[in-house]
């Protein structure tokens, strides 16, 4: 899969999939604008403003995954009577998933600050 597409007018266009990912994780990357295309000769970049709906939806989904993972981990431990040795390898894996998605959700939910005047 290519990350960019070149057109006849000398521009490199960012693929739609990469643009959606950039919008979705704009809180983590602190991006106020997302690149749409780049002029090959002058290296000028055309931007579009960050779509906050994608960003907020991604943060909500990540928090949902975190909560579901924690609840599933508790359920598995209750199923074996709290005996950690019988819970198997899924316990640390689920903890890692919960921590990773939780941290990503918190970072992504930060407000995007306006660009400071220069």
PDB file of N, CA and C in Angstrom:
ATOM      1  N   UNK A   1       0.838  -1.184   0.000  1.00  0.00           N
ATOM      2  CA  UNK A   1       0.000   0.000   0.000  1.00  0.00           C
ATOM      3  C   UNK A   1       0.879   1.241   0.000  1.00  0.00           C
ATOM      4  N   UNK A   2       0.597   2.146  -0.880  1.00  0.00           N
ATOM      5  CA  UNK A   2       1.388   3.358  -1.002  1.00  0.00           C
ATOM      6  C   UNK A   2       0.838   4.442  -0.079  1.00  0.00           C
ATOM      7  N   UNK A   3       1.735   5.215   0.530  1.00  0.00           N
ATOM      8  CA  UNK A   3       1.306   6.294   1.412  1.00  0.00           C
ATOM      9  C   UNK A   3       0.995   7.574   0.661  1.00  0.00           C
ATOM     10  N   UNK A   4       1.338   7.636  -0.601  1.00  0.00           N
ATOM     11  CA  UNK A   4       1.081   8.849  -1.368  1.00  0.00           C
ATOM     12  C   UNK A   4       0.809   8.494  -2.817  1.00  0.00           C
ATOM     13  N   UNK A   5       0.157   9.432  -3.491  1.00  0.00           N
ATOM     14  CA  UNK A   5      -0.167   9.262  -4.902  1.00  0.00           C
ATOM     15  C   UNK A   5       0.312  10.504  -5.626  1.00  0.00           C
ATOM     16  N   UNK A   6       0.998  10.328  -6.753  1.00  0.00           N
ATOM     17  CA  UNK A   6       1.493  11.452  -7.526  1.00  0.00           C
ATOM     18  C   UNK A   6       0.514  11.754  -8.650  1.00  0.00           C
ATOM     19  N   UNK A   7       0.243  13.021  -8.897  1.00  0.00           N
ATOM     20  CA  UNK A   7      -0.657  13.375  -9.993  1.00  0.00           C
ATOM     21  C   UNK A   7       0.106  14.086 -11.108  1.00  0.00           C
ATOM     22  N   UNK A   8      -0.620  14.454 -12.171  1.00  0.00           N
ATOM     23  CA  UNK A   8       0.012  15.040 -13.353  1.00  0.00           C
ATOM     24  C   UNK A   8       0.506  16.470 -13.146  1.00  0.00           C
ATOM     25  N   UNK A   9       0.029  17.159 -12.142  1.00  0.00           N
ATOM     26  CA  UNK A   9       0.383  18.567 -11.952  1.00  0.00           C
ATOM     27  C   UNK A   9       1.582  18.759 -11.038  1.00  0.00           C
ATOM     28  N   UNK A  10       2.292  17.697 -10.705  1.00  0.00           N
ATOM     29  CA  UNK A  10       3.486  17.844  -9.881  1.00  0.00           C
ATOM     30  C   UNK A  10       3.219  17.820  -8.397  1.00  0.00           C
ATOM     31  N   UNK A  11       2.090  17.306  -7.978  1.00  0.00           N
ATOM     32  CA  UNK A  11       1.773  17.221  -6.561  1.00  0.00           C
ATOM     33  C   UNK A  11       1.832  15.779  -6.091  1.00  0.00           C
ATOM     34  N   UNK A  12       2.215  15.591  -4.847  1.00  0.00           N
ATOM     35  CA  UNK A  12       2.135  14.289  -4.195  1.00  0.00           C
ATOM     36  C   UNK A  12       0.967  14.380  -3.219  1.00  0.00           C
ATOM     37  N   UNK A  13      -0.041  13.541  -3.421  1.00  0.00           N
ATOM     38  CA  UNK A  13      -1.222  13.563  -2.553  1.00  0.00           C
ATOM     39  C   UNK A  13      -1.089  12.512  -1.466  1.00  0.00           C
ATOM     40  N   UNK A  14      -1.471  12.890  -0.252  1.00  0.00           N
ATOM     41  CA  UNK A  14      -1.467  11.948   0.862  1.00  0.00           C
ATOM     42  C   UNK A  14      -2.665  11.025   0.703  1.00  0.00           C
ATOM     43  N   UNK A  15      -2.471   9.732   0.914  1.00  0.00           N
ATOM     44  CA  UNK A  15      -3.552   8.763   0.717  1.00  0.00           C
ATOM     45  C   UNK A  15      -4.682   9.019   1.719  1.00  0.00           C
ATOM     46  N   UNK A  16      -5.919   8.723   1.326  1.00  0.00           N
ATOM     47  CA  UNK A  16      -7.062   8.946   2.224  1.00  0.00           C
ATOM     48  C   UNK A  16      -6.934   8.187   3.548  1.00  0.00           C
ATOM     49  N   UNK A  17      -6.382   6.985   3.512  1.00  0.00           N
ATOM     50  CA  UNK A  17      -6.213   6.208   4.745  1.00  0.00           C
ATOM     51  C   UNK A  17      -5.278   6.927   5.720  1.00  0.00           C
ATOM     52  N   UNK A  18      -4.172   7.438   5.218  1.00  0.00           N
ATOM     53  CA  UNK A  18      -3.223   8.155   6.076  1.00  0.00           C
ATOM     54  C   UNK A  18      -3.824   9.457   6.600  1.00  0.00           C
ATOM     55  N   UNK A  19      -4.644  10.112   5.772  1.00  0.00           N
ATOM     56  CA  UNK A  19      -5.294  11.340   6.235  1.00  0.00           C
ATOM     57  C   UNK A  19      -6.252  11.046   7.379  1.00  0.00           C
ATOM     58  N   UNK A  20      -7.017   9.945   7.285  1.00  0.00           N
ATOM     59  CA  UNK A  20      -7.938   9.590   8.367  1.00  0.00           C
ATOM     60  C   UNK A  20      -7.165   9.252   9.635  1.00  0.00           C
ATOM     61  N   UNK A  21      -6.065   8.514   9.497  1.00  0.00           N
ATOM     62  CA  UNK A  21      -5.241   8.215  10.667  1.00  0.00           C
ATOM     63  C   UNK A  21      -4.681   9.488  11.296  1.00  0.00           C
ATOM     64  N   UNK A  22      -4.242  10.419  10.472  1.00  0.00           N
ATOM     65  CA  UNK A  22      -3.717  11.688  10.995  1.00  0.00           C
ATOM     66  C   UNK A  22      -4.795  12.470  11.731  1.00  0.00           C
ATOM     67  N   UNK A  23      -6.016  12.483  11.204  1.00  0.00           N
ATOM     68  CA  UNK A  23      -7.122  13.148  11.899  1.00  0.00           C
ATOM     69  C   UNK A  23      -7.432  12.430  13.208  1.00  0.00           C
ATOM     70  N   UNK A  24      -7.437  11.096  13.174  1.00  0.00           N
ATOM     71  CA  UNK A  24      -7.826  10.306  14.336  1.00  0.00           C
ATOM     72  C   UNK A  24      -6.871  10.477  15.513  1.00  0.00           C
ATOM     73  N   UNK A  25      -5.583  10.555  15.235  1.00  0.00           N
ATOM     74  CA  UNK A  25      -4.595  10.656  16.306  1.00  0.00           C
ATOM     75  C   UNK A  25      -3.987  12.053  16.395  1.00  0.00           C
ATOM     76  N   UNK A  26      -4.766  13.071  16.073  1.00  0.00           N
ATOM     77  CA  UNK A  26      -4.277  14.447  16.098  1.00  0.00           C
ATOM     78  C   UNK A  26      -3.921  14.910  17.504  1.00  0.00           C
ATOM     79  N   UNK A  27      -4.558  14.365  18.522  1.00  0.00           N
ATOM     80  CA  UNK A  27      -4.240  14.747  19.899  1.00  0.00           C
ATOM     81  C   UNK A  27      -2.872  14.258  20.327  1.00  0.00           C
ATOM     82  N   UNK A  28      -2.490  13.076  19.875  1.00  0.00           N
ATOM     83  CA  UNK A  28      -1.180  12.517  20.229  1.00  0.00           C
ATOM     84  C   UNK A  28      -0.081  13.280  19.495  1.00  0.00           C
ATOM     85  N   UNK A  29      -0.312  13.552  18.222  1.00  0.00           N
ATOM     86  CA  UNK A  29       0.709  14.245  17.433  1.00  0.00           C
ATOM     87  C   UNK A  29       0.627  15.761  17.563  1.00  0.00           C
ATOM     88  N   UNK A  30      -0.404  16.256  18.263  1.00  0.00           N
ATOM     89  CA  UNK A  30      -0.632  17.692  18.471  1.00  0.00           C
ATOM     90  C   UNK A  30      -0.696  18.446  17.149  1.00  0.00           C
ATOM     91  N   UNK A  31      -1.393  17.875  16.178  1.00  0.00           N
ATOM     92  CA  UNK A  31      -1.513  18.486  14.853  1.00  0.00           C
ATOM     93  C   UNK A  31      -2.758  19.344  14.759  1.00  0.00           C
ATOM     94  N   UNK A  32      -2.571  20.588  14.399  1.00  0.00           N
ATOM     95  CA  UNK A  32      -3.700  21.488  14.172  1.00  0.00           C
ATOM     96  C   UNK A  32      -4.203  21.371  12.735  1.00  0.00           C
ATOM     97  N   UNK A  33      -3.309  20.926  11.850  1.00  0.00           N
ATOM     98  CA  UNK A  33      -3.624  20.800  10.434  1.00  0.00           C
ATOM     99  C   UNK A  33      -3.061  19.480   9.925  1.00  0.00           C
ATOM    100  N   UNK A  34      -3.709  18.967   8.884  1.00  0.00           N
ATOM    101  CA  UNK A  34      -3.283  17.706   8.284  1.00  0.00           C
ATOM    102  C   UNK A  34      -2.871  17.989   6.838  1.00  0.00           C
ATOM    103  N   UNK A  35      -1.729  17.445   6.429  1.00  0.00           N
ATOM    104  CA  UNK A  35      -1.253  17.640   5.055  1.00  0.00           C
ATOM    105  C   UNK A  35      -2.153  16.902   4.074  1.00  0.00           C
ATOM    106  N   UNK A  36      -2.482  17.570   2.967  1.00  0.00           N
ATOM    107  CA  UNK A  36      -3.321  16.987   1.933  1.00  0.00           C
ATOM    108  C   UNK A  36      -2.491  16.633   0.705  1.00  0.00           C
ATOM    109  N   UNK A  37      -1.645  17.579   0.291  1.00  0.00           N
ATOM    110  CA  UNK A  37      -0.772  17.325  -0.855  1.00  0.00           C
ATOM    111  C   UNK A  37       0.460  18.213  -0.760  1.00  0.00           C
ATOM    112  N   UNK A  38       1.500  17.776  -1.463  1.00  0.00           N
ATOM    113  CA  UNK A  38       2.785  18.471  -1.433  1.00  0.00           C
ATOM    114  C   UNK A  38       3.229  18.723  -2.866  1.00  0.00           C
ATOM    115  N   UNK A  39       3.669  19.937  -3.148  1.00  0.00           N
ATOM    116  CA  UNK A  39       4.206  20.273  -4.459  1.00  0.00           C
ATOM    117  C   UNK A  39       5.633  19.729  -4.537  1.00  0.00           C
ATOM    118  N   UNK A  40       5.900  18.902  -5.538  1.00  0.00           N
ATOM    119  CA  UNK A  40       7.224  18.269  -5.664  1.00  0.00           C
ATOM    120  C   UNK A  40       8.340  19.277  -5.886  1.00  0.00           C
ATOM    121  N   UNK A  41       8.056  20.318  -6.663  1.00  0.00           N
ATOM    122  CA  UNK A  41       9.108  21.273  -7.026  1.00  0.00           C
ATOM    123  C   UNK A  41       9.402  22.264  -5.907  1.00  0.00           C
ATOM    124  N   UNK A  42       8.362  22.883  -5.368  1.00  0.00           N
ATOM    125  CA  UNK A  42       8.562  23.936  -4.366  1.00  0.00           C
ATOM    126  C   UNK A  42       8.491  23.426  -2.934  1.00  0.00           C
ATOM    127  N   UNK A  43       8.045  22.180  -2.739  1.00  0.00           N
ATOM    128  CA  UNK A  43       7.853  21.571  -1.421  1.00  0.00           C
ATOM    129  C   UNK A  43       6.834  22.335  -0.570  1.00  0.00           C
ATOM    130  N   UNK A  44       5.925  23.086  -1.239  1.00  0.00           N
ATOM    131  CA  UNK A  44       4.824  23.727  -0.521  1.00  0.00           C
ATOM    132  C   UNK A  44       3.796  22.665  -0.161  1.00  0.00           C
ATOM    133  N   UNK A  45       3.205  22.798   1.009  1.00  0.00           N
ATOM    134  CA  UNK A  45       2.252  21.814   1.494  1.00  0.00           C
ATOM    135  C   UNK A  45       0.882  22.455   1.625  1.00  0.00           C
ATOM    136  N   UNK A  46      -0.138  21.780   1.099  1.00  0.00           N
ATOM    137  CA  UNK A  46      -1.525  22.209   1.294  1.00  0.00           C
ATOM    138  C   UNK A  46      -2.075  21.454   2.492  1.00  0.00           C
ATOM    139  N   UNK A  47      -2.695  22.198   3.421  1.00  0.00           N
ATOM    140  CA  UNK A  47      -3.211  21.606   4.650  1.00  0.00           C
ATOM    141  C   UNK A  47      -4.723  21.725   4.708  1.00  0.00           C
ATOM    142  N   UNK A  48      -5.332  20.891   5.554  1.00  0.00           N
ATOM    143  CA  UNK A  48      -6.737  21.033   5.919  1.00  0.00           C
ATOM    144  C   UNK A  48      -6.794  21.017   7.443  1.00  0.00           C
ATOM    145  N   UNK A  49      -7.773  21.700   8.044  1.00  0.00           N
ATOM    146  CA  UNK A  49      -7.849  21.707   9.510  1.00  0.00           C
ATOM    147  C   UNK A  49      -8.176  20.312  10.047  1.00  0.00           C
ATOM    148  N   UNK A  50      -7.748  20.047  11.258  1.00  0.00           N
ATOM    149  CA  UNK A  50      -7.994  18.749  11.885  1.00  0.00           C
ATOM    150  C   UNK A  50      -9.483  18.541  12.099  1.00  0.00           C
ATOM    151  N   UNK A  51      -9.972  17.361  11.734  1.00  0.00           N
ATOM    152  CA  UNK A  51     -11.367  17.000  11.941  1.00  0.00           C
ATOM    153  C   UNK A  51     -11.505  16.463  13.364  1.00  0.00           C
ATOM    154  N   UNK A  52     -12.114  17.246  14.248  1.00  0.00           N
ATOM    155  CA  UNK A  52     -12.191  16.873  15.656  1.00  0.00           C
ATOM    156  C   UNK A  52     -13.125  15.696  15.896  1.00  0.00           C
ATOM    157  N   UNK A  53     -14.076  15.442  14.981  1.00  0.00           N
ATOM    158  CA  UNK A  53     -14.967  14.302  15.162  1.00  0.00           C
ATOM    159  C   UNK A  53     -14.172  12.999  15.130  1.00  0.00           C
ATOM    160  N   UNK A  54     -13.243  12.864  14.186  1.00  0.00           N
ATOM    161  CA  UNK A  54     -12.389  11.668  14.117  1.00  0.00           C
ATOM    162  C   UNK A  54     -11.562  11.532  15.384  1.00  0.00           C
ATOM    163  N   UNK A  55     -11.003  12.639  15.847  1.00  0.00           N
ATOM    164  CA  UNK A  55     -10.154  12.632  17.035  1.00  0.00           C
ATOM    165  C   UNK A  55     -10.943  12.196  18.259  1.00  0.00           C
ATOM    166  N   UNK A  56     -12.121  12.771  18.463  1.00  0.00           N
ATOM    167  CA  UNK A  56     -12.941  12.436  19.640  1.00  0.00           C
ATOM    168  C   UNK A  56     -13.465  11.005  19.575  1.00  0.00           C
ATOM    169  N   UNK A  57     -13.849  10.558  18.387  1.00  0.00           N
ATOM    170  CA  UNK A  57     -14.335   9.192  18.234  1.00  0.00           C
ATOM    171  C   UNK A  57     -13.222   8.191  18.543  1.00  0.00           C
ATOM    172  N   UNK A  58     -12.023   8.458  18.073  1.00  0.00           N
ATOM    173  CA  UNK A  58     -10.887   7.577  18.348  1.00  0.00           C
ATOM    174  C   UNK A  58     -10.590   7.519  19.839  1.00  0.00           C
ATOM    175  N   UNK A  59     -10.623   8.662  20.522  1.00  0.00           N
ATOM    176  CA  UNK A  59     -10.386   8.686  21.968  1.00  0.00           C
ATOM    177  C   UNK A  59     -11.446   7.873  22.705  1.00  0.00           C
ATOM    178  N   UNK A  60     -12.705   8.004  22.293  1.00  0.00           N
ATOM    179  CA  UNK A  60     -13.796   7.261  22.925  1.00  0.00           C
ATOM    180  C   UNK A  60     -13.633   5.765  22.714  1.00  0.00           C
ATOM    181  N   UNK A  61     -13.277   5.365  21.499  1.00  0.00           N
ATOM    182  CA  UNK A  61     -13.075   3.939  21.208  1.00  0.00           C
ATOM    183  C   UNK A  61     -11.909   3.389  22.021  1.00  0.00           C
ATOM    184  N   UNK A  62     -10.821   4.139  22.119  1.00  0.00           N
ATOM    185  CA  UNK A  62      -9.673   3.675  22.903  1.00  0.00           C
ATOM    186  C   UNK A  62     -10.026   3.528  24.381  1.00  0.00           C
ATOM    187  N   UNK A  63     -10.790   4.470  24.931  1.00  0.00           N
ATOM    188  CA  UNK A  63     -11.231   4.345  26.328  1.00  0.00           C
ATOM    189  C   UNK A  63     -12.154   3.150  26.496  1.00  0.00           C
ATOM    190  N   UNK A  64     -13.024   2.905  25.519  1.00  0.00           N
ATOM    191  CA  UNK A  64     -13.903   1.742  25.571  1.00  0.00           C
ATOM    192  C   UNK A  64     -13.128   0.441  25.560  1.00  0.00           C
ATOM    193  N   UNK A  65     -12.081   0.369  24.732  1.00  0.00           N
ATOM    194  CA  UNK A  65     -11.233  -0.829  24.700  1.00  0.00           C
ATOM    195  C   UNK A  65     -10.538  -1.023  26.045  1.00  0.00           C
ATOM    196  N   UNK A  66     -10.096   0.072  26.651  1.00  0.00           N
ATOM    197  CA  UNK A  66      -9.441  -0.003  27.957  1.00  0.00           C
ATOM    198  C   UNK A  66     -10.385  -0.570  29.009  1.00  0.00           C
ATOM    199  N   UNK A  67     -11.586  -0.035  29.072  1.00  0.00           N
ATOM    200  CA  UNK A  67     -12.559  -0.492  30.077  1.00  0.00           C
ATOM    201  C   UNK A  67     -12.944  -1.949  29.824  1.00  0.00           C
ATOM    202  N   UNK A  68     -13.202  -2.301  28.561  1.00  0.00           N
ATOM    203  CA  UNK A  68     -13.577  -3.679  28.236  1.00  0.00           C
ATOM    204  C   UNK A  68     -12.447  -4.652  28.586  1.00  0.00           C
ATOM    205  N   UNK A  69     -11.218  -4.263  28.358  1.00  0.00           N
ATOM    206  CA  UNK A  69     -10.072  -5.128  28.670  1.00  0.00           C
ATOM    207  C   UNK A  69      -9.938  -5.337  30.171  1.00  0.00           C
ATOM    208  N   UNK A  70     -10.102  -4.267  30.940  1.00  0.00           N
ATOM    209  CA  UNK A  70     -10.013  -4.388  32.405  1.00  0.00           C
ATOM    210  C   UNK A  70     -11.123  -5.292  32.929  1.00  0.00           C
ATOM    211  N   UNK A  71     -12.346  -5.104  32.432  1.00  0.00           N
ATOM    212  CA  UNK A  71     -13.462  -5.935  32.885  1.00  0.00           C
ATOM    213  C   UNK A  71     -13.265  -7.403  32.492  1.00  0.00           C
ATOM    214  N   UNK A  72     -12.781  -7.643  31.284  1.00  0.00           N
ATOM    215  CA  UNK A  72     -12.535  -9.021  30.840  1.00  0.00           C
ATOM    216  C   UNK A  72     -11.443  -9.683  31.683  1.00  0.00           C
ATOM    217  N   UNK A  73     -10.410  -8.924  32.011  1.00  0.00           N
ATOM    218  CA  UNK A  73      -9.320  -9.454  32.847  1.00  0.00           C
ATOM    219  C   UNK A  73      -9.847  -9.831  34.226  1.00  0.00           C
ATOM    220  N   UNK A  74     -10.695  -8.967  34.809  1.00  0.00           N
ATOM    221  CA  UNK A  74     -11.296  -9.272  36.118  1.00  0.00           C
ATOM    222  C   UNK A  74     -12.168 -10.521  36.044  1.00  0.00           C
ATOM    223  N   UNK A  75     -12.922 -10.636  34.957  1.00  0.00           N
ATOM    224  CA  UNK A  75     -13.803 -11.793  34.768  1.00  0.00           C
ATOM    225  C   UNK A  75     -12.993 -13.087  34.689  1.00  0.00           C
ATOM    226  N   UNK A  76     -11.877 -13.049  33.965  1.00  0.00           N
ATOM    227  CA  UNK A  76     -11.024 -14.239  33.850  1.00  0.00           C
ATOM    228  C   UNK A  76     -10.430 -14.622  35.202  1.00  0.00           C
ATOM    229  N   UNK A  77     -10.020 -13.632  35.991  1.00  0.00           N
ATOM    230  CA  UNK A  77      -9.468 -13.929  37.317  1.00  0.00           C
ATOM    231  C   UNK A  77     -10.541 -14.487  38.247  1.00  0.00           C
ATOM    232  N   UNK A  78     -11.757 -13.965  38.160  1.00  0.00           N
ATOM    233  CA  UNK A  78     -12.843 -14.483  38.990  1.00  0.00           C
ATOM    234  C   UNK A  78     -13.190 -15.918  38.595  1.00  0.00           C
ATOM    235  N   UNK A  79     -13.088 -16.235  37.313  1.00  0.00           N
ATOM    236  CA  UNK A  79     -13.416 -17.568  36.820  1.00  0.00           C
ATOM    237  C   UNK A  79     -12.488 -18.639  37.421  1.00  0.00           C
ATOM    238  N   UNK A  80     -11.238 -18.281  37.698  1.00  0.00           N
ATOM    239  CA  UNK A  80     -10.294 -19.241  38.276  1.00  0.00           C
ATOM    240  C   UNK A  80     -10.137 -19.026  39.780  1.00  0.00           C
ATOM    241  N   UNK A  81     -11.064 -18.295  40.381  1.00  0.00           N
ATOM    242  CA  UNK A  81     -11.046 -18.099  41.828  1.00  0.00           C
ATOM    243  C   UNK A  81      -9.927 -17.209  42.318  1.00  0.00           C
ATOM    244  N   UNK A  82      -9.429 -16.329  41.477  1.00  0.00           N
ATOM    245  CA  UNK A  82      -8.375 -15.400  41.880  1.00  0.00           C
ATOM    246  C   UNK A  82      -6.981 -16.011  41.888  1.00  0.00           C
ATOM    247  N   UNK A  83      -6.866 -17.252  41.465  1.00  0.00           N
ATOM    248  CA  UNK A  83      -5.552 -17.906  41.446  1.00  0.00           C
ATOM    249  C   UNK A  83      -4.802 -17.470  40.191  1.00  0.00           C
ATOM    250  N   UNK A  84      -3.856 -16.596  40.407  1.00  0.00           N
ATOM    251  CA  UNK A  84      -3.129 -15.981  39.308  1.00  0.00           C
ATOM    252  C   UNK A  84      -2.412 -17.027  38.459  1.00  0.00           C
ATOM    253  N   UNK A  85      -1.911 -18.073  39.084  1.00  0.00           N
ATOM    254  CA  UNK A  85      -1.166 -19.080  38.333  1.00  0.00           C
ATOM    255  C   UNK A  85      -2.054 -19.831  37.347  1.00  0.00           C
ATOM    256  N   UNK A  86      -3.368 -19.903  37.607  1.00  0.00           N
ATOM    257  CA  UNK A  86      -4.277 -20.578  36.692  1.00  0.00           C
ATOM    258  C   UNK A  86      -4.822 -19.651  35.607  1.00  0.00           C
ATOM    259  N   UNK A  87      -4.638 -18.357  35.784  1.00  0.00           N
ATOM    260  CA  UNK A  87      -5.164 -17.396  34.807  1.00  0.00           C
ATOM    261  C   UNK A  87      -4.378 -17.424  33.508  1.00  0.00           C
ATOM    262  N   UNK A  88      -3.152 -17.903  33.555  1.00  0.00           N
ATOM    263  CA  UNK A  88      -2.369 -18.043  32.335  1.00  0.00           C
ATOM    264  C   UNK A  88      -1.708 -16.747  31.882  1.00  0.00           C
ATOM    265  N   UNK A  89      -1.253 -16.788  30.641  1.00  0.00           N
ATOM    266  CA  UNK A  89      -0.485 -15.663  30.096  1.00  0.00           C
ATOM    267  C   UNK A  89      -1.367 -14.495  29.680  1.00  0.00           C
ATOM    268  N   UNK A  90      -2.666 -14.691  29.634  1.00  0.00           N
ATOM    269  CA  UNK A  90      -3.538 -13.612  29.169  1.00  0.00           C
ATOM    270  C   UNK A  90      -3.568 -12.433  30.140  1.00  0.00           C
ATOM    271  N   UNK A  91      -3.326 -12.695  31.423  1.00  0.00           N
ATOM    272  CA  UNK A  91      -3.396 -11.629  32.418  1.00  0.00           C
ATOM    273  C   UNK A  91      -2.407 -10.503  32.141  1.00  0.00           C
ATOM    274  N   UNK A  92      -1.117 -10.765  31.959  1.00  0.00           N
ATOM    275  CA  UNK A  92      -0.207  -9.649  31.659  1.00  0.00           C
ATOM    276  C   UNK A  92      -0.439  -9.048  30.276  1.00  0.00           C
ATOM    277  N   UNK A  93      -0.882  -9.865  29.328  1.00  0.00           N
ATOM    278  CA  UNK A  93      -1.171  -9.334  27.990  1.00  0.00           C
ATOM    279  C   UNK A  93      -2.337  -8.361  28.060  1.00  0.00           C
ATOM    280  N   UNK A  94      -3.390  -8.745  28.781  1.00  0.00           N
ATOM    281  CA  UNK A  94      -4.547  -7.859  28.924  1.00  0.00           C
ATOM    282  C   UNK A  94      -4.184  -6.593  29.688  1.00  0.00           C
ATOM    283  N   UNK A  95      -3.315  -6.712  30.673  1.00  0.00           N
ATOM    284  CA  UNK A  95      -2.858  -5.519  31.391  1.00  0.00           C
ATOM    285  C   UNK A  95      -2.103  -4.576  30.463  1.00  0.00           C
ATOM    286  N   UNK A  96      -1.257  -5.143  29.618  1.00  0.00           N
ATOM    287  CA  UNK A  96      -0.515  -4.320  28.661  1.00  0.00           C
ATOM    288  C   UNK A  96      -1.431  -3.618  27.678  1.00  0.00           C
ATOM    289  N   UNK A  97      -2.451  -4.341  27.199  1.00  0.00           N
ATOM    290  CA  UNK A  97      -3.415  -3.724  26.279  1.00  0.00           C
ATOM    291  C   UNK A  97      -4.156  -2.587  26.978  1.00  0.00           C
ATOM    292  N   UNK A  98      -4.573  -2.822  28.218  1.00  0.00           N
ATOM    293  CA  UNK A  98      -5.307  -1.788  28.961  1.00  0.00           C
ATOM    294  C   UNK A  98      -4.448  -0.544  29.178  1.00  0.00           C
ATOM    295  N   UNK A  99      -3.198  -0.746  29.587  1.00  0.00           N
ATOM    296  CA  UNK A  99      -2.309   0.401  29.803  1.00  0.00           C
ATOM    297  C   UNK A  99      -2.048   1.162  28.501  1.00  0.00           C
ATOM    298  N   UNK A 100      -1.758   0.423  27.443  1.00  0.00           N
ATOM    299  CA  UNK A 100      -1.424   1.065  26.169  1.00  0.00           C
ATOM    300  C   UNK A 100      -2.597   1.862  25.613  1.00  0.00           C
ATOM    301  N   UNK A 101      -3.772   1.244  25.566  1.00  0.00           N
ATOM    302  CA  UNK A 101      -4.926   1.958  25.022  1.00  0.00           C
ATOM    303  C   UNK A 101      -5.362   3.084  25.937  1.00  0.00           C
ATOM    304  N   UNK A 102      -5.220   2.888  27.235  1.00  0.00           N
ATOM    305  CA  UNK A 102      -5.589   3.951  28.179  1.00  0.00           C
ATOM    306  C   UNK A 102      -4.707   5.179  28.041  1.00  0.00           C
ATOM    307  N   UNK A 103      -3.413   4.947  27.951  1.00  0.00           N
ATOM    308  CA  UNK A 103      -2.476   6.070  27.789  1.00  0.00           C
ATOM    309  C   UNK A 103      -2.712   6.768  26.450  1.00  0.00           C
ATOM    310  N   UNK A 104      -2.898   5.978  25.386  1.00  0.00           N
ATOM    311  CA  UNK A 104      -3.158   6.572  24.073  1.00  0.00           C
ATOM    312  C   UNK A 104      -4.443   7.386  24.087  1.00  0.00           C
ATOM    313  N   UNK A 105      -5.481   6.893  24.753  1.00  0.00           N
ATOM    314  CA  UNK A 105      -6.754   7.627  24.819  1.00  0.00           C
ATOM    315  C   UNK A 105      -6.601   8.939  25.568  1.00  0.00           C
ATOM    316  N   UNK A 106      -5.875   8.912  26.680  1.00  0.00           N
ATOM    317  CA  UNK A 106      -5.678  10.143  27.457  1.00  0.00           C
ATOM    318  C   UNK A 106      -4.851  11.151  26.661  1.00  0.00           C
ATOM    319  N   UNK A 107      -3.794  10.686  26.018  1.00  0.00           N
ATOM    320  CA  UNK A 107      -2.978  11.600  25.209  1.00  0.00           C
ATOM    321  C   UNK A 107      -3.780  12.169  24.037  1.00  0.00           C
ATOM    322  N   UNK A 108      -4.591  11.330  23.411  1.00  0.00           N
ATOM    323  CA  UNK A 108      -5.348  11.774  22.241  1.00  0.00           C
ATOM    324  C   UNK A 108      -6.495  12.708  22.620  1.00  0.00           C
ATOM    325  N   UNK A 109      -6.975  12.619  23.847  1.00  0.00           N
ATOM    326  CA  UNK A 109      -8.115  13.455  24.246  1.00  0.00           C
ATOM    327  C   UNK A 109      -7.684  14.854  24.693  1.00  0.00           C
ATOM    328  N   UNK A 110      -6.388  15.111  24.729  1.00  0.00           N
ATOM    329  CA  UNK A 110      -5.924  16.459  25.071  1.00  0.00           C
ATOM    330  C   UNK A 110      -6.415  17.461  24.048  1.00  0.00           C
ATOM    331  N   UNK A 111      -6.763  18.667  24.487  1.00  0.00           N
ATOM    332  CA  UNK A 111      -7.193  19.677  23.509  1.00  0.00           C
ATOM    333  C   UNK A 111      -6.031  20.126  22.637  1.00  0.00           C
ATOM    334  N   UNK A 112      -6.344  20.426  21.406  1.00  0.00           N
ATOM    335  CA  UNK A 112      -5.325  20.939  20.482  1.00  0.00           C
ATOM    336  C   UNK A 112      -5.245  22.438  20.694  1.00  0.00           C
ATOM    337  N   UNK A 113      -4.080  22.889  21.124  1.00  0.00           N
ATOM    338  CA  UNK A 113      -3.918  24.313  21.399  1.00  0.00           C
ATOM    339  C   UNK A 113      -3.713  25.079  20.114  1.00  0.00           C
ATOM    340  N   UNK A 114      -4.267  26.285  20.050  1.00  0.00           N
ATOM    341  CA  UNK A 114      -4.042  27.083  18.845  1.00  0.00           C
ATOM    342  C   UNK A 114      -2.569  27.434  18.689  1.00  0.00           C
ATOM    343  N   UNK A 115      -2.186  27.646  17.460  1.00  0.00           N
ATOM    344  CA  UNK A 115      -0.786  27.949  17.173  1.00  0.00           C
ATOM    345  C   UNK A 115      -0.399  29.279  17.817  1.00  0.00           C
ATOM    346  N   UNK A 116       0.760  29.270  18.463  1.00  0.00           N
ATOM    347  CA  UNK A 116       1.206  30.488  19.120  1.00  0.00           C
ATOM    348  C   UNK A 116       1.671  31.503  18.078  1.00  0.00           C
ATOM    349  N   UNK A 117       1.428  32.795  18.356  1.00  0.00           N
ATOM    350  CA  UNK A 117       1.869  33.827  17.394  1.00  0.00           C
ATOM    351  C   UNK A 117       3.387  33.883  17.343  1.00  0.00           C
ATOM    352  N   UNK A 118       3.915  34.155  16.164  1.00  0.00           N
ATOM    353  CA  UNK A 118       5.366  34.189  16.001  1.00  0.00           C
ATOM    354  C   UNK A 118       5.887  35.594  15.934  1.00  0.00           C
TER     355      UNK A 118
END
